[in-house]
Structures are given as structure tokens and as C-alpha cells.
Amino acid sequence: MPGAAPGLRDSSRHAEAKAVSFAVQSDRLSFATGGIALRRTGAAILMAVYLSVFFGLTLGAFYQPSASPNFEPFRMIRHDLTVGGWEFVINVLGNLAAGFPMGVLLPGLLGRRCSWGWVAGLGLAVSLLIEMLQGFSGRRVADVDDLILNTSGALLGYAVQQAAGRVQAWWSRGVHQVP
């Protein structure tokens, strides 16, 4: 400002410098949050695909009208462990695998809010909804062991995701390099 007092000119330059600094920082911030938004969008798309497949398989496929519901915890798990073979693979390992993606994808959706409690609660809620719909549809059988295995699968997925994140952080720090 040409006719202004010297102190006023300095403060206006200081204000301009602050404005430029803020613009650069806010640009970085918007870039950073854009990356987070992109990750969350990708996780949301993958979660939608996963849930569509999960619901489709558990409600539409494998018609079982004559089987009776199981409300005794661990009954079918004990049976499948005893019998082994394909029953074990399909029921126990299949239900663990069915919940696994939820535990891997939830941190991408929830960010820092994700915790063991969130994963267990949402895994249990989705599995409970599926079991209730199976019971009401008459096409499939409601089984309490499926709740246990699907929720355990989600927790296992979360454990693997957390471990992979720690390994990746350790690796990126360069700790793996030999001097």
C-alpha cells in the first residue's frame, strides 16, 4: 500500500504471506482428504460387492428346506470337526471365509473409529440379519454356529488387516534394510 504508514505495510505483507501459506496448506489438506475419500469410496464399493455376494450366496444358493434350525452353540462345529472332510471345509472354513472380508474392509470405511468392538458388532449384526432372513425364507436353515463363525471370520480378517498394516509401516520405515 503506497501511502500507508510503514507498520501498516508490513502487517499487510504479513497477512498476504499468511493467506498464501493457508492456501498452500489447505491445498495439501484437500489433496490428503481427497486420498482418504478415494480410499473410503473404494472400500465402500468393495463392501457393497462383498455384501451382495454374501447375501446372494447365503440366501439364494444351497436350497435346504428339510434341515432343522440349530440354536445350540457349537453343536454343528463339534460335529463338523468330528466328521471332518468336506462338511468341515464347507461349513466351518466356509463360514470363517465368508466373514473375513468384512474385517478387512471395515477399517477402510470407518478409518480410525474402527476397533475390535466395531468389527465384532457389525460382523455379528450382518450375520444375525442373514440367519434371520434364512429362517424366515424357508429356503435355508438358521444356525447359531454360523453367527459364531462369521463373526470370528470378521475378527480374523481384522487381525490380518491390522498385522499387515503394522508390517507395512515397519517395512516403510526402512527397518528391513541391512546396514
N, C-alpha and C. Protein backbone atom coordinates (compact mmCIF):
# COMPACT_ATOMS: atom_id res chain seq x y z
N MET A 1 0.86 -1.17 0.00
CA MET A 1 0.00 0.00 0.00
C MET A 1 0.90 1.23 0.00
N PRO A 2 0.88 2.01 -1.08
CA PRO A 2 1.82 3.10 -1.25
C PRO A 2 1.73 4.19 -0.20
N GLY A 3 0.61 4.73 0.15
CA GLY A 3 0.53 5.87 1.05
C GLY A 3 0.35 5.49 2.50
N ALA A 4 0.42 4.21 2.83
CA ALA A 4 0.14 3.79 4.19
C ALA A 4 1.37 3.91 5.06
N ALA A 5 1.15 3.94 6.34
CA ALA A 5 2.24 4.02 7.31
C ALA A 5 3.09 2.74 7.21
N PRO A 6 4.38 2.82 7.54
CA PRO A 6 5.27 1.66 7.41
C PRO A 6 4.78 0.43 8.18
N GLY A 7 4.27 0.61 9.36
CA GLY A 7 3.79 -0.53 10.14
C GLY A 7 2.61 -1.21 9.48
N LEU A 8 1.76 -0.45 8.83
CA LEU A 8 0.58 -0.99 8.16
C LEU A 8 1.00 -1.79 6.93
N ARG A 9 2.03 -1.29 6.21
CA ARG A 9 2.51 -2.03 5.04
C ARG A 9 3.06 -3.38 5.46
N ASP A 10 3.83 -3.44 6.53
CA ASP A 10 4.40 -4.69 6.99
C ASP A 10 3.31 -5.68 7.40
N SER A 11 2.28 -5.19 8.08
CA SER A 11 1.22 -6.09 8.52
C SER A 11 0.41 -6.59 7.33
N SER A 12 0.27 -5.78 6.29
CA SER A 12 -0.47 -6.26 5.12
C SER A 12 0.35 -7.31 4.37
N ARG A 13 1.69 -7.13 4.31
CA ARG A 13 2.54 -8.16 3.69
C ARG A 13 2.47 -9.45 4.51
N HIS A 14 2.47 -9.29 5.81
CA HIS A 14 2.37 -10.45 6.69
C HIS A 14 1.04 -11.18 6.46
N ALA A 15 -0.04 -10.42 6.31
CA ALA A 15 -1.35 -11.00 6.05
C ALA A 15 -1.36 -11.72 4.71
N GLU A 16 -0.73 -11.14 3.69
CA GLU A 16 -0.67 -11.78 2.38
C GLU A 16 0.12 -13.08 2.47
N ALA A 17 1.23 -13.05 3.20
CA ALA A 17 2.04 -14.26 3.36
C ALA A 17 1.25 -15.34 4.07
N LYS A 18 0.48 -14.96 5.10
CA LYS A 18 -0.36 -15.92 5.80
C LYS A 18 -1.41 -16.50 4.87
N ALA A 19 -2.01 -15.65 4.03
CA ALA A 19 -3.04 -16.11 3.11
C ALA A 19 -2.46 -17.11 2.11
N VAL A 20 -1.25 -16.83 1.59
CA VAL A 20 -0.61 -17.75 0.66
C VAL A 20 -0.28 -19.05 1.38
N SER A 21 0.25 -18.96 2.60
CA SER A 21 0.58 -20.14 3.38
C SER A 21 -0.66 -20.98 3.64
N PHE A 22 -1.77 -20.34 4.00
CA PHE A 22 -3.01 -21.05 4.25
C PHE A 22 -3.50 -21.74 2.98
N ALA A 23 -3.40 -21.04 1.83
CA ALA A 23 -3.84 -21.62 0.57
C ALA A 23 -3.03 -22.87 0.24
N VAL A 24 -1.72 -22.82 0.45
CA VAL A 24 -0.87 -23.98 0.17
C VAL A 24 -1.23 -25.12 1.12
N GLN A 25 -1.38 -24.80 2.41
CA GLN A 25 -1.71 -25.83 3.38
C GLN A 25 -3.09 -26.41 3.12
N SER A 26 -4.06 -25.57 2.79
CA SER A 26 -5.40 -26.09 2.55
C SER A 26 -5.41 -26.92 1.27
N ASP A 27 -4.55 -26.59 0.29
CA ASP A 27 -4.45 -27.39 -0.91
C ASP A 27 -3.91 -28.78 -0.55
N ARG A 28 -2.89 -28.82 0.31
CA ARG A 28 -2.36 -30.10 0.76
C ARG A 28 -3.43 -30.87 1.53
N LEU A 29 -4.16 -30.18 2.37
CA LEU A 29 -5.20 -30.80 3.15
C LEU A 29 -6.27 -31.39 2.24
N SER A 30 -6.70 -30.63 1.24
CA SER A 30 -7.73 -31.14 0.35
C SER A 30 -7.20 -32.32 -0.45
N PHE A 31 -5.91 -32.28 -0.82
CA PHE A 31 -5.32 -33.42 -1.51
C PHE A 31 -5.31 -34.64 -0.60
N ALA A 32 -4.92 -34.42 0.66
CA ALA A 32 -4.86 -35.54 1.61
C ALA A 32 -6.25 -36.10 1.89
N THR A 33 -7.21 -35.23 2.11
CA THR A 33 -8.56 -35.73 2.38
C THR A 33 -9.17 -36.33 1.13
N GLY A 34 -8.76 -35.86 -0.04
CA GLY A 34 -9.21 -36.48 -1.28
C GLY A 34 -8.74 -37.92 -1.37
N GLY A 35 -7.50 -38.17 -0.92
CA GLY A 35 -6.98 -39.53 -0.90
C GLY A 35 -7.76 -40.41 0.05
N ILE A 36 -8.09 -39.85 1.21
CA ILE A 36 -8.89 -40.61 2.18
C ILE A 36 -10.27 -40.88 1.61
N ALA A 37 -10.86 -39.87 0.99
CA ALA A 37 -12.19 -40.06 0.40
C ALA A 37 -12.15 -41.12 -0.69
N LEU A 38 -11.09 -41.12 -1.49
CA LEU A 38 -10.95 -42.11 -2.54
C LEU A 38 -10.83 -43.51 -1.95
N ARG A 39 -10.02 -43.65 -0.88
CA ARG A 39 -9.88 -44.94 -0.22
C ARG A 39 -11.21 -45.40 0.36
N ARG A 40 -11.93 -44.48 0.98
CA ARG A 40 -13.22 -44.85 1.57
C ARG A 40 -14.22 -45.22 0.49
N THR A 41 -14.19 -44.51 -0.63
CA THR A 41 -15.09 -44.83 -1.73
C THR A 41 -14.77 -46.22 -2.27
N GLY A 42 -13.49 -46.52 -2.44
CA GLY A 42 -13.10 -47.86 -2.89
C GLY A 42 -13.52 -48.93 -1.91
N ALA A 43 -13.33 -48.67 -0.62
CA ALA A 43 -13.74 -49.64 0.40
C ALA A 43 -15.26 -49.81 0.41
N ALA A 44 -15.99 -48.72 0.19
CA ALA A 44 -17.45 -48.80 0.15
C ALA A 44 -17.93 -49.63 -1.04
N ILE A 45 -17.28 -49.43 -2.19
CA ILE A 45 -17.65 -50.21 -3.38
C ILE A 45 -17.36 -51.70 -3.15
N LEU A 46 -16.16 -51.99 -2.63
CA LEU A 46 -15.81 -53.38 -2.36
C LEU A 46 -16.73 -54.00 -1.32
N MET A 47 -17.10 -53.21 -0.28
CA MET A 47 -18.02 -53.72 0.74
C MET A 47 -19.39 -54.02 0.13
N ALA A 48 -19.87 -53.15 -0.75
CA ALA A 48 -21.17 -53.38 -1.41
C ALA A 48 -21.13 -54.65 -2.25
N VAL A 49 -20.05 -54.86 -2.99
CA VAL A 49 -19.90 -56.07 -3.80
C VAL A 49 -19.84 -57.29 -2.88
N TYR A 50 -19.02 -57.20 -1.84
CA TYR A 50 -18.90 -58.31 -0.88
C TYR A 50 -20.26 -58.66 -0.26
N LEU A 51 -20.98 -57.65 0.23
CA LEU A 51 -22.27 -57.92 0.86
C LEU A 51 -23.28 -58.49 -0.13
N SER A 52 -23.24 -58.02 -1.37
CA SER A 52 -24.14 -58.57 -2.40
C SER A 52 -23.87 -60.05 -2.63
N VAL A 53 -22.60 -60.40 -2.75
CA VAL A 53 -22.23 -61.80 -2.95
C VAL A 53 -22.57 -62.62 -1.70
N PHE A 54 -22.24 -62.07 -0.53
CA PHE A 54 -22.51 -62.77 0.74
C PHE A 54 -24.00 -63.04 0.91
N PHE A 55 -24.83 -62.02 0.72
CA PHE A 55 -26.28 -62.20 0.84
C PHE A 55 -26.80 -63.13 -0.24
N GLY A 56 -26.28 -62.99 -1.46
CA GLY A 56 -26.73 -63.85 -2.55
C GLY A 56 -26.44 -65.32 -2.29
N LEU A 57 -25.23 -65.61 -1.81
CA LEU A 57 -24.88 -67.00 -1.53
C LEU A 57 -25.63 -67.56 -0.33
N THR A 58 -25.79 -66.77 0.70
CA THR A 58 -26.40 -67.30 1.92
C THR A 58 -27.92 -67.33 1.86
N LEU A 59 -28.51 -66.53 0.99
CA LEU A 59 -29.98 -66.52 0.92
C LEU A 59 -30.52 -67.18 -0.34
N GLY A 60 -29.74 -67.17 -1.41
CA GLY A 60 -30.26 -67.69 -2.67
C GLY A 60 -29.76 -69.07 -3.04
N ALA A 61 -28.51 -69.34 -2.77
CA ALA A 61 -27.92 -70.61 -3.17
C ALA A 61 -28.09 -71.67 -2.08
N PHE A 62 -27.79 -72.90 -2.42
CA PHE A 62 -27.77 -74.01 -1.46
C PHE A 62 -29.12 -74.21 -0.76
N TYR A 63 -30.15 -74.45 -1.52
CA TYR A 63 -31.50 -74.67 -1.00
C TYR A 63 -31.51 -75.85 -0.03
N GLN A 64 -32.03 -75.64 1.21
CA GLN A 64 -32.08 -76.68 2.26
C GLN A 64 -33.42 -76.62 2.99
N PRO A 65 -34.51 -77.01 2.37
CA PRO A 65 -35.81 -76.85 3.04
C PRO A 65 -36.07 -77.85 4.16
N SER A 66 -35.44 -79.00 4.15
CA SER A 66 -35.79 -80.03 5.14
C SER A 66 -34.95 -79.99 6.42
N ALA A 67 -33.86 -79.26 6.43
CA ALA A 67 -32.99 -79.23 7.62
C ALA A 67 -33.65 -78.40 8.73
N SER A 68 -33.34 -78.77 9.97
CA SER A 68 -33.93 -78.04 11.11
C SER A 68 -32.93 -77.01 11.63
N PRO A 69 -33.43 -75.92 12.20
CA PRO A 69 -32.54 -74.87 12.71
C PRO A 69 -31.71 -75.37 13.89
N ASN A 70 -30.56 -74.75 14.08
CA ASN A 70 -29.67 -75.09 15.19
C ASN A 70 -29.54 -73.87 16.10
N PHE A 71 -30.05 -74.01 17.32
CA PHE A 71 -29.94 -72.93 18.29
C PHE A 71 -28.98 -73.27 19.43
N GLU A 72 -28.30 -74.41 19.33
CA GLU A 72 -27.33 -74.82 20.35
C GLU A 72 -25.92 -74.43 19.89
N PRO A 73 -25.28 -73.50 20.61
CA PRO A 73 -23.94 -73.05 20.18
C PRO A 73 -22.94 -74.20 20.13
N PHE A 74 -22.14 -74.21 19.08
CA PHE A 74 -21.03 -75.14 18.85
C PHE A 74 -21.47 -76.56 18.50
N ARG A 75 -22.76 -76.85 18.37
CA ARG A 75 -23.20 -78.20 18.05
C ARG A 75 -22.70 -78.64 16.67
N MET A 76 -22.95 -77.82 15.65
CA MET A 76 -22.53 -78.18 14.29
C MET A 76 -21.00 -78.07 14.13
N ILE A 77 -20.41 -77.14 14.85
CA ILE A 77 -18.95 -77.02 14.77
C ILE A 77 -18.30 -78.29 15.31
N ARG A 78 -18.78 -78.77 16.48
CA ARG A 78 -18.25 -80.03 17.06
C ARG A 78 -18.47 -81.19 16.09
N HIS A 79 -19.67 -81.26 15.52
CA HIS A 79 -19.99 -82.32 14.57
C HIS A 79 -19.04 -82.28 13.37
N ASP A 80 -18.86 -81.09 12.80
CA ASP A 80 -18.02 -80.96 11.60
C ASP A 80 -16.56 -81.24 11.90
N LEU A 81 -16.10 -80.88 13.10
CA LEU A 81 -14.72 -81.19 13.49
C LEU A 81 -14.53 -82.70 13.65
N THR A 82 -15.56 -83.38 14.16
CA THR A 82 -15.50 -84.82 14.35
C THR A 82 -15.53 -85.55 13.01
N VAL A 83 -16.46 -85.16 12.15
CA VAL A 83 -16.62 -85.82 10.86
C VAL A 83 -15.49 -85.45 9.90
N GLY A 84 -15.12 -84.17 9.92
CA GLY A 84 -14.05 -83.70 9.02
C GLY A 84 -14.51 -83.68 7.57
N GLY A 85 -13.58 -83.76 6.68
CA GLY A 85 -13.87 -83.81 5.25
C GLY A 85 -14.53 -82.54 4.73
N TRP A 86 -15.36 -82.74 3.69
CA TRP A 86 -16.00 -81.61 3.03
C TRP A 86 -16.98 -80.87 3.92
N GLU A 87 -17.64 -81.57 4.85
CA GLU A 87 -18.56 -80.88 5.76
C GLU A 87 -17.80 -79.83 6.57
N PHE A 88 -16.62 -80.20 7.05
CA PHE A 88 -15.79 -79.27 7.81
C PHE A 88 -15.37 -78.10 6.92
N VAL A 89 -14.89 -78.40 5.73
CA VAL A 89 -14.41 -77.37 4.82
C VAL A 89 -15.54 -76.40 4.46
N ILE A 90 -16.67 -76.94 4.08
CA ILE A 90 -17.78 -76.08 3.63
C ILE A 90 -18.38 -75.30 4.79
N ASN A 91 -18.66 -75.96 5.90
CA ASN A 91 -19.35 -75.27 6.99
C ASN A 91 -18.42 -74.40 7.83
N VAL A 92 -17.38 -74.98 8.38
CA VAL A 92 -16.52 -74.23 9.30
C VAL A 92 -15.63 -73.25 8.55
N LEU A 93 -14.81 -73.77 7.65
CA LEU A 93 -13.91 -72.88 6.92
C LEU A 93 -14.67 -71.93 6.00
N GLY A 94 -15.77 -72.40 5.40
CA GLY A 94 -16.58 -71.54 4.53
C GLY A 94 -17.19 -70.37 5.28
N ASN A 95 -17.71 -70.60 6.48
CA ASN A 95 -18.30 -69.51 7.27
C ASN A 95 -17.24 -68.56 7.81
N LEU A 96 -16.07 -69.09 8.16
CA LEU A 96 -14.97 -68.20 8.55
C LEU A 96 -14.57 -67.32 7.37
N ALA A 97 -14.43 -67.94 6.20
CA ALA A 97 -14.05 -67.19 5.00
C ALA A 97 -15.12 -66.18 4.60
N ALA A 98 -16.38 -66.50 4.86
CA ALA A 98 -17.47 -65.59 4.49
C ALA A 98 -17.43 -64.30 5.31
N GLY A 99 -16.99 -64.36 6.55
CA GLY A 99 -16.91 -63.16 7.38
C GLY A 99 -15.60 -62.40 7.24
N PHE A 100 -14.57 -63.06 6.73
CA PHE A 100 -13.23 -62.50 6.65
C PHE A 100 -13.16 -61.14 5.93
N PRO A 101 -13.77 -60.99 4.75
CA PRO A 101 -13.67 -59.70 4.04
C PRO A 101 -14.22 -58.51 4.83
N MET A 102 -15.22 -58.75 5.65
CA MET A 102 -15.77 -57.65 6.43
C MET A 102 -14.71 -57.06 7.36
N GLY A 103 -13.95 -57.93 8.00
CA GLY A 103 -12.90 -57.46 8.91
C GLY A 103 -11.78 -56.74 8.18
N VAL A 104 -11.54 -57.10 6.93
CA VAL A 104 -10.50 -56.44 6.14
C VAL A 104 -11.00 -55.09 5.62
N LEU A 105 -12.27 -55.01 5.23
CA LEU A 105 -12.81 -53.80 4.59
C LEU A 105 -13.30 -52.73 5.57
N LEU A 106 -13.75 -53.12 6.74
CA LEU A 106 -14.29 -52.13 7.68
C LEU A 106 -13.32 -51.01 8.05
N PRO A 107 -12.03 -51.30 8.27
CA PRO A 107 -11.12 -50.19 8.57
C PRO A 107 -11.05 -49.15 7.44
N GLY A 108 -11.20 -49.58 6.21
CA GLY A 108 -11.23 -48.64 5.10
C GLY A 108 -12.45 -47.75 5.12
N LEU A 109 -13.55 -48.27 5.64
CA LEU A 109 -14.79 -47.48 5.74
C LEU A 109 -14.83 -46.61 6.97
N LEU A 110 -14.43 -47.16 8.10
CA LEU A 110 -14.57 -46.46 9.38
C LEU A 110 -13.35 -45.63 9.76
N GLY A 111 -12.22 -45.88 9.12
CA GLY A 111 -11.00 -45.14 9.46
C GLY A 111 -10.55 -45.43 10.88
N ARG A 112 -10.14 -44.39 11.57
CA ARG A 112 -9.61 -44.54 12.94
C ARG A 112 -10.67 -44.99 13.94
N ARG A 113 -11.94 -44.83 13.59
CA ARG A 113 -13.01 -45.26 14.51
C ARG A 113 -13.13 -46.77 14.58
N CYS A 114 -12.55 -47.47 13.62
CA CYS A 114 -12.67 -48.93 13.57
C CYS A 114 -11.93 -49.54 14.76
N SER A 115 -12.55 -50.54 15.35
CA SER A 115 -11.95 -51.22 16.51
C SER A 115 -12.44 -52.66 16.51
N TRP A 116 -11.88 -53.43 17.43
CA TRP A 116 -12.32 -54.82 17.58
C TRP A 116 -13.81 -54.88 17.87
N GLY A 117 -14.29 -53.96 18.70
CA GLY A 117 -15.71 -53.93 19.04
C GLY A 117 -16.60 -53.64 17.85
N TRP A 118 -16.19 -52.66 17.03
CA TRP A 118 -16.96 -52.34 15.81
C TRP A 118 -17.01 -53.55 14.88
N VAL A 119 -15.88 -54.19 14.67
CA VAL A 119 -15.83 -55.33 13.76
C VAL A 119 -16.69 -56.47 14.30
N ALA A 120 -16.56 -56.77 15.58
CA ALA A 120 -17.37 -57.84 16.18
C ALA A 120 -18.86 -57.50 16.10
N GLY A 121 -19.21 -56.27 16.45
CA GLY A 121 -20.61 -55.86 16.44
C GLY A 121 -21.23 -55.87 15.05
N LEU A 122 -20.54 -55.30 14.08
CA LEU A 122 -21.08 -55.26 12.72
C LEU A 122 -21.06 -56.65 12.08
N GLY A 123 -20.02 -57.43 12.36
CA GLY A 123 -19.98 -58.80 11.85
C GLY A 123 -21.13 -59.63 12.40
N LEU A 124 -21.39 -59.48 13.69
CA LEU A 124 -22.49 -60.19 14.32
C LEU A 124 -23.84 -59.70 13.78
N ALA A 125 -23.99 -58.40 13.61
CA ALA A 125 -25.27 -57.84 13.13
C ALA A 125 -25.59 -58.31 11.71
N VAL A 126 -24.61 -58.29 10.83
CA VAL A 126 -24.84 -58.74 9.45
C VAL A 126 -25.16 -60.23 9.44
N SER A 127 -24.40 -61.01 10.21
CA SER A 127 -24.65 -62.45 10.26
C SER A 127 -26.01 -62.76 10.87
N LEU A 128 -26.40 -62.03 11.91
CA LEU A 128 -27.71 -62.22 12.52
C LEU A 128 -28.82 -61.90 11.53
N LEU A 129 -28.67 -60.82 10.79
CA LEU A 129 -29.67 -60.47 9.77
C LEU A 129 -29.80 -61.60 8.74
N ILE A 130 -28.68 -62.11 8.28
CA ILE A 130 -28.72 -63.21 7.30
C ILE A 130 -29.39 -64.44 7.90
N GLU A 131 -29.04 -64.81 9.12
CA GLU A 131 -29.63 -66.00 9.74
C GLU A 131 -31.14 -65.82 9.95
N MET A 132 -31.56 -64.62 10.32
CA MET A 132 -33.00 -64.38 10.48
C MET A 132 -33.72 -64.48 9.13
N LEU A 133 -33.13 -63.89 8.10
CA LEU A 133 -33.73 -63.98 6.77
C LEU A 133 -33.75 -65.42 6.27
N GLN A 134 -32.73 -66.19 6.57
CA GLN A 134 -32.73 -67.61 6.19
C GLN A 134 -33.85 -68.35 6.90
N GLY A 135 -34.03 -68.08 8.19
CA GLY A 135 -35.09 -68.74 8.94
C GLY A 135 -36.47 -68.40 8.43
N PHE A 136 -36.68 -67.12 8.08
CA PHE A 136 -38.00 -66.69 7.60
C PHE A 136 -38.26 -67.12 6.16
N SER A 137 -37.23 -67.26 5.36
CA SER A 137 -37.42 -67.57 3.93
C SER A 137 -37.84 -69.02 3.71
N GLY A 138 -37.41 -69.91 4.58
CA GLY A 138 -37.72 -71.32 4.40
C GLY A 138 -36.80 -71.99 3.38
N ARG A 139 -35.94 -71.24 2.75
CA ARG A 139 -35.02 -71.80 1.75
C ARG A 139 -33.73 -72.32 2.39
N ARG A 140 -33.36 -71.74 3.50
CA ARG A 140 -32.11 -72.10 4.17
C ARG A 140 -32.39 -72.34 5.64
N VAL A 141 -31.36 -72.72 6.39
CA VAL A 141 -31.51 -73.06 7.80
C VAL A 141 -30.76 -72.05 8.65
N ALA A 142 -31.43 -71.56 9.69
CA ALA A 142 -30.78 -70.67 10.65
C ALA A 142 -29.91 -71.52 11.57
N ASP A 143 -28.68 -71.07 11.80
CA ASP A 143 -27.73 -71.83 12.60
C ASP A 143 -26.91 -70.87 13.45
N VAL A 144 -26.97 -71.02 14.76
CA VAL A 144 -26.23 -70.14 15.66
C VAL A 144 -24.72 -70.27 15.44
N ASP A 145 -24.28 -71.44 15.00
CA ASP A 145 -22.85 -71.62 14.74
C ASP A 145 -22.38 -70.75 13.59
N ASP A 146 -23.27 -70.46 12.64
CA ASP A 146 -22.91 -69.55 11.56
C ASP A 146 -22.64 -68.14 12.10
N LEU A 147 -23.41 -67.73 13.10
CA LEU A 147 -23.15 -66.43 13.74
C LEU A 147 -21.75 -66.41 14.35
N ILE A 148 -21.42 -67.48 15.05
CA ILE A 148 -20.12 -67.57 15.71
C ILE A 148 -19.00 -67.57 14.68
N LEU A 149 -19.15 -68.37 13.63
CA LEU A 149 -18.08 -68.50 12.63
C LEU A 149 -17.95 -67.25 11.76
N ASN A 150 -19.06 -66.65 11.34
CA ASN A 150 -18.98 -65.43 10.53
C ASN A 150 -18.36 -64.29 11.32
N THR A 151 -18.75 -64.14 12.58
CA THR A 151 -18.18 -63.08 13.42
C THR A 151 -16.70 -63.36 13.68
N SER A 152 -16.36 -64.60 13.94
CA SER A 152 -14.95 -64.97 14.12
C SER A 152 -14.15 -64.71 12.85
N GLY A 153 -14.75 -64.98 11.70
CA GLY A 153 -14.09 -64.70 10.43
C GLY A 153 -13.83 -63.21 10.24
N ALA A 154 -14.81 -62.36 10.63
CA ALA A 154 -14.61 -60.91 10.54
C ALA A 154 -13.48 -60.47 11.47
N LEU A 155 -13.44 -61.01 12.67
CA LEU A 155 -12.36 -60.68 13.61
C LEU A 155 -11.01 -61.17 13.10
N LEU A 156 -10.99 -62.34 12.49
CA LEU A 156 -9.76 -62.86 11.90
C LEU A 156 -9.29 -61.96 10.76
N GLY A 157 -10.23 -61.51 9.92
CA GLY A 157 -9.89 -60.59 8.84
C GLY A 157 -9.33 -59.28 9.37
N TYR A 158 -9.92 -58.78 10.45
CA TYR A 158 -9.43 -57.55 11.06
C TYR A 158 -8.03 -57.75 11.64
N ALA A 159 -7.80 -58.90 12.25
CA ALA A 159 -6.46 -59.20 12.81
C ALA A 159 -5.42 -59.24 11.69
N VAL A 160 -5.75 -59.87 10.58
CA VAL A 160 -4.82 -59.94 9.45
C VAL A 160 -4.59 -58.54 8.88
N GLN A 161 -5.66 -57.75 8.76
CA GLN A 161 -5.53 -56.39 8.24
C GLN A 161 -4.65 -55.54 9.15
N GLN A 162 -4.83 -55.66 10.45
CA GLN A 162 -4.03 -54.90 11.40
C GLN A 162 -2.57 -55.34 11.36
N ALA A 163 -2.34 -56.63 11.29
CA ALA A 163 -0.97 -57.14 11.22
C ALA A 163 -0.29 -56.69 9.93
N ALA A 164 -1.02 -56.74 8.82
CA ALA A 164 -0.45 -56.30 7.54
C ALA A 164 -0.12 -54.81 7.58
N GLY A 165 -0.97 -54.02 8.23
CA GLY A 165 -0.71 -52.59 8.37
C GLY A 165 0.55 -52.33 9.19
N ARG A 166 0.75 -53.10 10.23
CA ARG A 166 1.95 -52.93 11.06
C ARG A 166 3.21 -53.35 10.31
N VAL A 167 3.11 -54.45 9.57
CA VAL A 167 4.26 -54.90 8.77
C VAL A 167 4.59 -53.85 7.71
N GLN A 168 3.57 -53.31 7.06
CA GLN A 168 3.79 -52.29 6.02
C GLN A 168 4.43 -51.05 6.63
N ALA A 169 3.97 -50.62 7.80
CA ALA A 169 4.56 -49.45 8.46
C ALA A 169 6.01 -49.73 8.85
N TRP A 170 6.28 -50.91 9.36
CA TRP A 170 7.64 -51.30 9.73
C TRP A 170 8.53 -51.31 8.49
N TRP A 171 8.02 -51.90 7.41
CA TRP A 171 8.78 -52.01 6.17
C TRP A 171 9.08 -50.64 5.58
N SER A 172 8.09 -49.74 5.62
CA SER A 172 8.28 -48.41 5.02
C SER A 172 9.25 -47.55 5.83
N ARG A 173 9.45 -47.86 7.11
CA ARG A 173 10.43 -47.13 7.91
C ARG A 173 11.86 -47.51 7.55
N GLY A 174 12.01 -48.57 6.77
CA GLY A 174 13.34 -48.99 6.34
C GLY A 174 14.05 -49.86 7.34
N VAL A 175 13.32 -50.40 8.31
CA VAL A 175 13.92 -51.24 9.34
C VAL A 175 14.44 -52.53 8.73
N HIS A 176 13.87 -52.94 7.62
CA HIS A 176 14.23 -54.21 6.99
C HIS A 176 15.60 -54.17 6.31
N GLN A 177 16.15 -52.98 6.10
CA GLN A 177 17.41 -52.86 5.37
C GLN A 177 18.58 -53.24 6.27
N VAL A 178 19.50 -53.98 5.69
CA VAL A 178 20.70 -54.39 6.41
C VAL A 178 21.75 -53.30 6.24
N PRO A 179 22.41 -52.88 7.34
CA PRO A 179 23.42 -51.80 7.21
C PRO A 179 24.63 -52.19 6.39
